[in-house]
Amino acid sequence: MKRLIFGDGKVSKVIRNHTDVIISKKDCNLNDKSKIKEVLRFHKPDIVINCAAKTNLEYCQENKSISFDSNVNGVLNVLEESAEIKSKFIHVSSGCLFDGNDFISDEKTNPSPSVWYTWTKKWADEIILNFGYENVLILRPRQLISKKPHPSNMITKFSSMKKIDAIEEDNSITCIEDFSEMINHLIKIDGKGIYNCANKGTVTPYDIAMLVRKYINHDLKVSKIGYNELLENLPNKRVNTILCTKKIEKTGFVPRDASEALEWCVKNYEK
């Protein structure tokens, strides 16, 4: 099956196959409906994967119209044209829709956005589910990490610091290399609807920092900080989220353990 991927960022660079068509922002702005139509009619993909989005919380908060255009209107534009040519539409959403580590969120849990970025992801999901086209797949990863460096990869962020105050709160993570396997599996079984795509179990930001110090940045100074104290030092709220993976497990795919995936990413990190 021919796949076309919108976006050339952190996720796209890992999940792509050598036969995939990659459409960067330079090639096609998602707010240009005529260009999207031209691209999809020319390539005629069986599967369209949308990885394009504004993801920086501070940027989205300060540039609400731009991030809305990218994360909501852009998604609708690609969805419309995908439906027109009857391609399977796969959208990379976010597990950050859920705020709170005192419960486990499954695919039926009502989102509780806390910043503009997560509101845009919630709106996009709702549009996809209510558009009227059934051949759609919404994927919700959480706290994406990879062995490949990228400015928004948490391993990259931590490894570039001299000192970090990290919280010891349980969170889900998604190793992008494992996420790629999840996508391939869900395509193979013709999955539809929403799927949480995270590794099994949880890790904490403190765990990540300690492994980064062990394998990458031996001079990194790591100390613990309380969650409420962390929030006091940030302009926009960060959430703790634990995703339930039972739905994807019932399809026959059992994600790798979060601790194992994290250590694998850090040990194999491409410095």
C-alpha atoms as a PDB file:
ATOM      1  CA  MET A   1       0.000   0.000   0.000  1.00  0.00           C
ATOM      2  CA  LYS A   2       1.217   3.463  -0.874  1.00  0.00           C
ATOM      3  CA  ARG A   3       1.607   5.803   2.101  1.00  0.00           C
ATOM      4  CA  LEU A   4       1.855   9.569   2.081  1.00  0.00           C
ATOM      5  CA  ILE A   5       2.987  11.399   5.226  1.00  0.00           C
ATOM      6  CA  PHE A   6       2.311  15.068   5.919  1.00  0.00           C
ATOM      7  CA  GLY A   7       5.081  16.461   8.116  1.00  0.00           C
ATOM      8  CA  ASP A   8       8.839  16.033   8.200  1.00  0.00           C
ATOM      9  CA  GLY A   9       9.492  16.314  11.915  1.00  0.00           C
ATOM     10  CA  LYS A  10      10.355  14.098  14.864  1.00  0.00           C
ATOM     11  CA  VAL A  11       7.669  11.453  14.313  1.00  0.00           C
ATOM     12  CA  SER A  12       7.780  11.412  10.522  1.00  0.00           C
ATOM     13  CA  LYS A  13      11.543  10.861  10.419  1.00  0.00           C
ATOM     14  CA  VAL A  14      11.227   7.650  12.476  1.00  0.00           C
ATOM     15  CA  ILE A  15       7.986   6.061  11.260  1.00  0.00           C
ATOM     16  CA  ARG A  16       8.618   6.492   7.537  1.00  0.00           C
ATOM     17  CA  ASN A  17       9.379   3.629   5.178  1.00  0.00           C
ATOM     18  CA  HIS A  18      11.726   4.090   2.224  1.00  0.00           C
ATOM     19  CA  THR A  19       8.742   3.931  -0.138  1.00  0.00           C
ATOM     20  CA  ASP A  20       6.694   6.608   1.683  1.00  0.00           C
ATOM     21  CA  VAL A  21       5.992   9.966   0.086  1.00  0.00           C
ATOM     22  CA  ILE A  22       6.962  12.722   2.551  1.00  0.00           C
ATOM     23  CA  ILE A  23       5.267  16.099   2.260  1.00  0.00           C
ATOM     24  CA  SER A  24       6.962  18.847   4.284  1.00  0.00           C
ATOM     25  CA  LYS A  25       5.499  22.243   5.124  1.00  0.00           C
ATOM     26  CA  LYS A  26       7.691  23.697   2.378  1.00  0.00           C
ATOM     27  CA  ASP A  27       6.063  21.312  -0.091  1.00  0.00           C
ATOM     28  CA  CYS A  28       2.519  21.955   1.092  1.00  0.00           C
ATOM     29  CA  ASN A  29       0.986  24.225   3.729  1.00  0.00           C
ATOM     30  CA  LEU A  30      -1.994  22.443   5.295  1.00  0.00           C
ATOM     31  CA  ASN A  31      -4.059  25.593   4.982  1.00  0.00           C
ATOM     32  CA  ASP A  32      -3.681  25.532   1.208  1.00  0.00           C
ATOM     33  CA  LYS A  33      -6.603  23.313   0.191  1.00  0.00           C
ATOM     34  CA  SER A  34      -5.857  23.508  -3.508  1.00  0.00           C
ATOM     35  CA  LYS A  35      -2.270  22.355  -2.933  1.00  0.00           C
ATOM     36  CA  ILE A  36      -3.425  19.474  -0.714  1.00  0.00           C
ATOM     37  CA  LYS A  37      -5.839  18.423  -3.427  1.00  0.00           C
ATOM     38  CA  GLU A  38      -3.093  18.634  -6.052  1.00  0.00           C
ATOM     39  CA  VAL A  39      -0.671  16.551  -3.933  1.00  0.00           C
ATOM     40  CA  LEU A  40      -3.175  13.820  -3.092  1.00  0.00           C
ATOM     41  CA  ARG A  41      -4.628  13.579  -6.602  1.00  0.00           C
ATOM     42  CA  PHE A  42      -1.102  13.296  -8.040  1.00  0.00           C
ATOM     43  CA  HIS A  43       0.232  10.644  -5.650  1.00  0.00           C
ATOM     44  CA  LYS A  44      -3.055   8.746  -5.085  1.00  0.00           C
ATOM     45  CA  PRO A  45      -1.984   7.214  -1.744  1.00  0.00           C
ATOM     46  CA  ASP A  46      -3.872   4.357  -0.105  1.00  0.00           C
ATOM     47  CA  ILE A  47      -2.987   5.791   3.296  1.00  0.00           C
ATOM     48  CA  VAL A  48      -2.526   9.391   4.430  1.00  0.00           C
ATOM     49  CA  ILE A  49      -0.709   9.902   7.735  1.00  0.00           C
ATOM     50  CA  ASN A  50      -0.861  13.367   9.255  1.00  0.00           C
ATOM     51  CA  CYS A  51       2.130  14.092  11.506  1.00  0.00           C
ATOM     52  CA  ALA A  52       2.126  17.847  10.909  1.00  0.00           C
ATOM     53  CA  ALA A  53       1.321  20.046  13.908  1.00  0.00           C
ATOM     54  CA  LYS A  54       2.422  22.929  16.085  1.00  0.00           C
ATOM     55  CA  THR A  55       3.410  21.214  19.341  1.00  0.00           C
ATOM     56  CA  ASN A  56       5.351  23.714  21.451  1.00  0.00           C
ATOM     57  CA  LEU A  57       3.064  24.674  24.327  1.00  0.00           C
ATOM     58  CA  GLU A  58       4.386  28.199  24.733  1.00  0.00           C
ATOM     59  CA  TYR A  59       4.276  28.898  20.992  1.00  0.00           C
ATOM     60  CA  CYS A  60       0.693  27.634  20.713  1.00  0.00           C
ATOM     61  CA  GLN A  61      -0.400  29.679  23.713  1.00  0.00           C
ATOM     62  CA  GLU A  62       1.109  32.850  22.267  1.00  0.00           C
ATOM     63  CA  ASN A  63       0.058  32.188  18.652  1.00  0.00           C
ATOM     64  CA  LYS A  64      -3.468  30.860  18.969  1.00  0.00           C
ATOM     65  CA  SER A  65      -4.630  31.579  15.411  1.00  0.00           C
ATOM     66  CA  ILE A  66      -1.540  30.081  13.791  1.00  0.00           C
ATOM     67  CA  SER A  67      -1.662  26.940  15.919  1.00  0.00           C
ATOM     68  CA  PHE A  68      -5.430  26.610  15.348  1.00  0.00           C
ATOM     69  CA  ASP A  69      -4.905  26.851  11.595  1.00  0.00           C
ATOM     70  CA  SER A  70      -2.254  24.140  11.721  1.00  0.00           C
ATOM     71  CA  ASN A  71      -3.721  21.773  14.319  1.00  0.00           C
ATOM     72  CA  VAL A  72      -7.422  22.084  13.500  1.00  0.00           C
ATOM     73  CA  ASN A  73      -8.127  23.674  10.100  1.00  0.00           C
ATOM     74  CA  GLY A  74      -5.171  21.922   8.513  1.00  0.00           C
ATOM     75  CA  VAL A  75      -6.370  18.557   9.783  1.00  0.00           C
ATOM     76  CA  LEU A  76      -9.847  19.170   8.372  1.00  0.00           C
ATOM     77  CA  ASN A  77      -8.399  20.141   4.987  1.00  0.00           C
ATOM     78  CA  VAL A  78      -6.345  16.945   4.735  1.00  0.00           C
ATOM     79  CA  LEU A  79      -9.254  14.835   5.997  1.00  0.00           C
ATOM     80  CA  GLU A  80     -11.626  16.258   3.377  1.00  0.00           C
ATOM     81  CA  GLU A  81      -9.299  15.502   0.485  1.00  0.00           C
ATOM     82  CA  SER A  82      -8.401  12.065   1.874  1.00  0.00           C
ATOM     83  CA  ALA A  83     -12.096  11.219   2.015  1.00  0.00           C
ATOM     84  CA  GLU A  84     -12.554  12.449  -1.554  1.00  0.00           C
ATOM     85  CA  ILE A  85      -9.996   9.977  -2.905  1.00  0.00           C
ATOM     86  CA  LYS A  86     -11.037   7.294  -0.359  1.00  0.00           C
ATOM     87  CA  SER A  87      -7.640   7.046   1.324  1.00  0.00           C
ATOM     88  CA  LYS A  88      -7.345   5.798   4.893  1.00  0.00           C
ATOM     89  CA  PHE A  89      -6.748   8.863   7.070  1.00  0.00           C
ATOM     90  CA  ILE A  90      -4.429   8.424  10.059  1.00  0.00           C
ATOM     91  CA  HIS A  91      -3.998  11.347  12.441  1.00  0.00           C
ATOM     92  CA  VAL A  92      -1.339  11.638  15.136  1.00  0.00           C
ATOM     93  CA  SER A  93      -3.169  13.188  18.072  1.00  0.00           C
ATOM     94  CA  SER A  94      -1.893  13.440  21.657  1.00  0.00           C
ATOM     95  CA  GLY A  95      -2.165  11.685  25.000  1.00  0.00           C
ATOM     96  CA  CYS A  96      -1.640  15.077  26.651  1.00  0.00           C
ATOM     97  CA  LEU A  97      -5.409  15.574  26.331  1.00  0.00           C
ATOM     98  CA  PHE A  98      -5.751  14.060  29.794  1.00  0.00           C
ATOM     99  CA  ASP A  99      -4.719  15.864  32.963  1.00  0.00           C
ATOM    100  CA  GLY A 100      -4.035  13.856  36.079  1.00  0.00           C
ATOM    101  CA  ASN A 101      -2.081  10.809  37.170  1.00  0.00           C
ATOM    102  CA  ASP A 102      -4.620   9.690  39.739  1.00  0.00           C
ATOM    103  CA  PHE A 103      -6.485   7.778  37.020  1.00  0.00           C
ATOM    104  CA  ILE A 104      -5.739   5.810  33.866  1.00  0.00           C
ATOM    105  CA  SER A 105      -7.188   7.235  30.650  1.00  0.00           C
ATOM    106  CA  ASP A 106      -8.609   4.918  28.005  1.00  0.00           C
ATOM    107  CA  GLU A 107     -10.040   5.741  24.588  1.00  0.00           C
ATOM    108  CA  LYS A 108     -13.462   6.545  26.103  1.00  0.00           C
ATOM    109  CA  THR A 109     -12.171   8.956  28.764  1.00  0.00           C
ATOM    110  CA  ASN A 110     -13.354  12.521  28.231  1.00  0.00           C
ATOM    111  CA  PRO A 111     -10.413  14.811  27.410  1.00  0.00           C
ATOM    112  CA  SER A 112      -9.549  17.549  29.913  1.00  0.00           C
ATOM    113  CA  PRO A 113      -7.400  20.072  28.023  1.00  0.00           C
ATOM    114  CA  SER A 114      -5.423  22.495  30.148  1.00  0.00           C
ATOM    115  CA  VAL A 115      -3.604  24.619  27.524  1.00  0.00           C
ATOM    116  CA  TRP A 116      -4.357  25.899  24.016  1.00  0.00           C
ATOM    117  CA  TYR A 117      -2.280  23.155  22.358  1.00  0.00           C
ATOM    118  CA  THR A 118      -4.349  20.370  23.909  1.00  0.00           C
ATOM    119  CA  TRP A 119      -7.581  22.185  23.075  1.00  0.00           C
ATOM    120  CA  THR A 120      -6.575  22.202  19.411  1.00  0.00           C
ATOM    121  CA  LYS A 121      -5.836  18.467  19.537  1.00  0.00           C
ATOM    122  CA  LYS A 122      -9.215  17.803  21.159  1.00  0.00           C
ATOM    123  CA  TRP A 123     -11.052  19.835  18.514  1.00  0.00           C
ATOM    124  CA  ALA A 124      -9.242  18.052  15.703  1.00  0.00           C
ATOM    125  CA  ASP A 125     -10.153  14.632  17.141  1.00  0.00           C
ATOM    126  CA  GLU A 126     -13.810  15.662  17.411  1.00  0.00           C
ATOM    127  CA  ILE A 127     -13.861  16.929  13.832  1.00  0.00           C
ATOM    128  CA  ILE A 128     -12.393  13.659  12.539  1.00  0.00           C
ATOM    129  CA  LEU A 129     -14.862  11.529  14.500  1.00  0.00           C
ATOM    130  CA  ASN A 130     -17.865  13.612  13.429  1.00  0.00           C
ATOM    131  CA  PHE A 131     -16.902  14.297   9.818  1.00  0.00           C
ATOM    132  CA  GLY A 132     -18.802  11.308   8.471  1.00  0.00           C
ATOM    133  CA  TYR A 133     -15.896   9.403   6.953  1.00  0.00           C
ATOM    134  CA  GLU A 134     -15.396   6.010   8.575  1.00  0.00           C
ATOM    135  CA  ASN A 135     -11.914   5.029   7.348  1.00  0.00           C
ATOM    136  CA  VAL A 136     -10.073   7.080   9.964  1.00  0.00           C
ATOM    137  CA  LEU A 137      -7.584   6.234  12.678  1.00  0.00           C
ATOM    138  CA  ILE A 138      -6.704   8.575  15.549  1.00  0.00           C
ATOM    139  CA  LEU A 139      -3.497   7.713  17.391  1.00  0.00           C
ATOM    140  CA  ARG A 140      -2.724   9.101  20.836  1.00  0.00           C
ATOM    141  CA  PRO A 141       0.952   8.797  21.822  1.00  0.00           C
ATOM    142  CA  ARG A 142       2.291  10.341  25.001  1.00  0.00           C
ATOM    143  CA  GLN A 143       5.610  12.054  25.737  1.00  0.00           C
ATOM    144  CA  LEU A 144       7.388  10.926  22.581  1.00  0.00           C
ATOM    145  CA  ILE A 145      10.987   9.758  22.953  1.00  0.00           C
ATOM    146  CA  SER A 146      13.410   8.256  20.456  1.00  0.00           C
ATOM    147  CA  LYS A 147      17.027   7.262  19.974  1.00  0.00           C
ATOM    148  CA  LYS A 148      17.130   9.951  17.270  1.00  0.00           C
ATOM    149  CA  PRO A 149      17.960  13.467  18.505  1.00  0.00           C
ATOM    150  CA  HIS A 150      15.347  16.171  18.049  1.00  0.00           C
ATOM    151  CA  PRO A 151      14.761  19.456  19.922  1.00  0.00           C
ATOM    152  CA  SER A 152      11.399  18.221  21.248  1.00  0.00           C
ATOM    153  CA  ASN A 153      12.672  14.751  22.173  1.00  0.00           C
ATOM    154  CA  MET A 154      12.766  14.692  26.004  1.00  0.00           C
ATOM    155  CA  ILE A 155      16.063  12.794  25.911  1.00  0.00           C
ATOM    156  CA  THR A 156      17.577  15.522  23.733  1.00  0.00           C
ATOM    157  CA  LYS A 157      16.257  18.238  26.043  1.00  0.00           C
ATOM    158  CA  PHE A 158      17.592  16.609  29.186  1.00  0.00           C
ATOM    159  CA  SER A 159      20.971  15.692  27.684  1.00  0.00           C
ATOM    160  CA  SER A 160      21.634  19.330  26.740  1.00  0.00           C
ATOM    161  CA  MET A 161      21.098  20.627  30.284  1.00  0.00           C
ATOM    162  CA  LYS A 162      23.653  21.194  33.026  1.00  0.00           C
ATOM    163  CA  LYS A 163      21.116  20.864  35.846  1.00  0.00           C
ATOM    164  CA  ILE A 164      17.566  19.630  36.037  1.00  0.00           C
ATOM    165  CA  ASP A 165      14.897  19.614  38.726  1.00  0.00           C
ATOM    166  CA  ALA A 166      12.737  16.622  37.823  1.00  0.00           C
ATOM    167  CA  ILE A 167       9.424  15.443  39.217  1.00  0.00           C
ATOM    168  CA  GLU A 168       8.943  11.856  40.333  1.00  0.00           C
ATOM    169  CA  GLU A 169       5.418  11.435  38.976  1.00  0.00           C
ATOM    170  CA  ASP A 170       4.285   8.414  36.943  1.00  0.00           C
ATOM    171  CA  ASN A 171       3.667   9.119  33.269  1.00  0.00           C
ATOM    172  CA  SER A 172       3.173   7.182  30.073  1.00  0.00           C
ATOM    173  CA  ILE A 173       5.770   7.474  27.326  1.00  0.00           C
ATOM    174  CA  THR A 174       5.829   6.446  23.687  1.00  0.00           C
ATOM    175  CA  CYS A 175       9.052   5.308  22.067  1.00  0.00           C
ATOM    176  CA  ILE A 176       8.639   6.488  18.466  1.00  0.00           C
ATOM    177  CA  GLU A 177      10.383   3.394  17.126  1.00  0.00           C
ATOM    178  CA  ASP A 178       7.697   1.317  18.900  1.00  0.00           C
ATOM    179  CA  PHE A 179       5.020   3.752  17.725  1.00  0.00           C
ATOM    180  CA  SER A 180       6.062   2.965  14.151  1.00  0.00           C
ATOM    181  CA  GLU A 181       5.383  -0.722  14.801  1.00  0.00           C
ATOM    182  CA  MET A 182       2.004   0.122  16.329  1.00  0.00           C
ATOM    183  CA  ILE A 183       1.053   2.105  13.223  1.00  0.00           C
ATOM    184  CA  ASN A 184       2.086  -0.727  10.912  1.00  0.00           C
ATOM    185  CA  HIS A 185       0.097  -3.200  13.011  1.00  0.00           C
ATOM    186  CA  LEU A 186      -3.066  -1.063  13.053  1.00  0.00           C
ATOM    187  CA  ILE A 187      -2.830  -0.574   9.289  1.00  0.00           C
ATOM    188  CA  LYS A 188      -2.438  -4.330   8.813  1.00  0.00           C
ATOM    189  CA  ILE A 189      -5.604  -5.095  10.834  1.00  0.00           C
ATOM    190  CA  ASP A 190      -7.439  -2.131   9.247  1.00  0.00           C
ATOM    191  CA  GLY A 191      -7.938  -0.464  12.619  1.00  0.00           C
ATOM    192  CA  LYS A 192     -10.382   2.419  12.876  1.00  0.00           C
ATOM    193  CA  GLY A 193     -11.285   4.942  15.557  1.00  0.00           C
ATOM    194  CA  ILE A 194      -9.112   5.984  18.498  1.00  0.00           C
ATOM    195  CA  TYR A 195      -6.153   4.040  19.870  1.00  0.00           C
ATOM    196  CA  ASN A 196      -3.869   4.954  22.747  1.00  0.00           C
ATOM    197  CA  CYS A 197      -0.328   4.282  21.529  1.00  0.00           C
ATOM    198  CA  ALA A 198       1.994   4.161  24.514  1.00  0.00           C
ATOM    199  CA  ASN A 199       4.456   1.737  26.011  1.00  0.00           C
ATOM    200  CA  LYS A 200       3.167  -0.471  28.829  1.00  0.00           C
ATOM    201  CA  GLY A 201       3.559   0.841  32.338  1.00  0.00           C
ATOM    202  CA  THR A 202       5.013   4.181  33.383  1.00  0.00           C
ATOM    203  CA  VAL A 203       8.228   6.048  34.057  1.00  0.00           C
ATOM    204  CA  THR A 204       8.893   9.414  35.693  1.00  0.00           C
ATOM    205  CA  PRO A 205      10.782  12.460  34.433  1.00  0.00           C
ATOM    206  CA  TYR A 206      13.231  11.747  37.261  1.00  0.00           C
ATOM    207  CA  ASP A 207      13.815   8.260  35.801  1.00  0.00           C
ATOM    208  CA  ILE A 208      14.530   9.791  32.402  1.00  0.00           C
ATOM    209  CA  ALA A 209      16.955  12.326  33.857  1.00  0.00           C
ATOM    210  CA  MET A 210      18.856   9.675  35.804  1.00  0.00           C
ATOM    211  CA  LEU A 211      19.267   7.463  32.717  1.00  0.00           C
ATOM    212  CA  VAL A 212      20.405  10.446  30.649  1.00  0.00           C
ATOM    213  CA  ARG A 213      23.039  11.128  33.306  1.00  0.00           C
ATOM    214  CA  LYS A 214      24.074   7.467  33.347  1.00  0.00           C
ATOM    215  CA  TYR A 215      24.487   6.989  29.600  1.00  0.00           C
ATOM    216  CA  ILE A 216      24.770  10.394  27.889  1.00  0.00           C
ATOM    217  CA  ASN A 217      25.565  13.407  30.063  1.00  0.00           C
ATOM    218  CA  HIS A 218      27.568  12.224  33.071  1.00  0.00           C
ATOM    219  CA  ASP A 219      27.887  15.777  34.407  1.00  0.00           C
ATOM    220  CA  LEU A 220      24.143  16.384  34.550  1.00  0.00           C
ATOM    221  CA  LYS A 221      23.063  17.425  38.048  1.00  0.00           C
ATOM    222  CA  VAL A 222      19.692  15.889  38.886  1.00  0.00           C
ATOM    223  CA  SER A 223      17.479  16.781  41.837  1.00  0.00           C
ATOM    224  CA  LYS A 224      13.845  16.110  42.660  1.00  0.00           C
ATOM    225  CA  ILE A 225      11.176  18.775  42.689  1.00  0.00           C
ATOM    226  CA  GLY A 226       7.497  18.624  43.632  1.00  0.00           C
ATOM    227  CA  TYR A 227       4.875  18.789  40.891  1.00  0.00           C
ATOM    228  CA  ASN A 228       3.237  21.950  42.261  1.00  0.00           C
ATOM    229  CA  GLU A 229       6.627  23.614  42.603  1.00  0.00           C
ATOM    230  CA  LEU A 230       7.390  22.722  38.978  1.00  0.00           C
ATOM    231  CA  LEU A 231       4.161  24.334  37.791  1.00  0.00           C
ATOM    232  CA  GLU A 232       5.022  27.533  39.632  1.00  0.00           C
ATOM    233  CA  ASN A 233       8.136  27.875  37.472  1.00  0.00           C
ATOM    234  CA  LEU A 234       6.428  27.288  34.116  1.00  0.00           C
ATOM    235  CA  PRO A 235       4.332  29.709  32.031  1.00  0.00           C
ATOM    236  CA  ASN A 236       1.985  26.921  30.886  1.00  0.00           C
ATOM    237  CA  LYS A 237       0.786  23.840  32.702  1.00  0.00           C
ATOM    238  CA  ARG A 238       2.363  20.425  32.087  1.00  0.00           C
ATOM    239  CA  VAL A 239       0.225  17.383  32.797  1.00  0.00           C
ATOM    240  CA  ASN A 240       0.804  13.947  34.211  1.00  0.00           C
ATOM    241  CA  THR A 241      -0.932  11.347  32.060  1.00  0.00           C
ATOM    242  CA  ILE A 242      -1.205   7.580  32.186  1.00  0.00           C
ATOM    243  CA  LEU A 243      -2.704   5.937  29.105  1.00  0.00           C
ATOM    244  CA  CYS A 244      -4.454   2.568  29.109  1.00  0.00           C
ATOM    245  CA  THR A 245      -3.132   0.316  26.318  1.00  0.00           C
ATOM    246  CA  LYS A 246      -5.649  -2.528  26.634  1.00  0.00           C
ATOM    247  CA  LYS A 247      -7.452  -1.660  23.388  1.00  0.00           C
ATOM    248  CA  ILE A 248      -4.390  -2.065  21.171  1.00  0.00           C
ATOM    249  CA  GLU A 249      -3.322  -5.123  23.183  1.00  0.00           C
ATOM    250  CA  LYS A 250      -6.659  -6.788  22.380  1.00  0.00           C
ATOM    251  CA  THR A 251      -5.755  -6.533  18.683  1.00  0.00           C
ATOM    252  CA  GLY A 252      -2.680  -8.681  19.260  1.00  0.00           C
ATOM    253  CA  PHE A 253      -0.037  -5.990  19.741  1.00  0.00           C
ATOM    254  CA  VAL A 254       1.591  -5.853  23.179  1.00  0.00           C
ATOM    255  CA  PRO A 255       3.726  -2.701  23.564  1.00  0.00           C
ATOM    256  CA  ARG A 256       7.185  -2.930  25.047  1.00  0.00           C
ATOM    257  CA  ASP A 257       7.516  -2.019  28.730  1.00  0.00           C
ATOM    258  CA  ALA A 258       8.055   1.714  29.267  1.00  0.00           C
ATOM    259  CA  SER A 259      11.176   1.267  31.410  1.00  0.00           C
ATOM    260  CA  GLU A 260      12.716  -1.088  28.847  1.00  0.00           C
ATOM    261  CA  ALA A 261      11.875   1.232  25.942  1.00  0.00           C
ATOM    262  CA  LEU A 262      13.305   4.245  27.763  1.00  0.00           C
ATOM    263  CA  GLU A 263      16.591   2.534  28.573  1.00  0.00           C
ATOM    264  CA  TRP A 264      16.855   1.253  24.993  1.00  0.00           C
ATOM    265  CA  CYS A 265      16.384   4.779  23.616  1.00  0.00           C
ATOM    266  CA  VAL A 266      18.943   6.296  25.985  1.00  0.00           C
ATOM    267  CA  LYS A 267      21.553   3.538  25.520  1.00  0.00           C
ATOM    268  CA  ASN A 268      21.229   3.747  21.726  1.00  0.00           C
ATOM    269  CA  TYR A 269      20.855   7.525  21.550  1.00  0.00           C
ATOM    270  CA  GLU A 270      22.616   8.883  18.465  1.00  0.00           C
ATOM    271  CA  LYS A 271      24.869  11.489  20.076  1.00  0.00           C
END
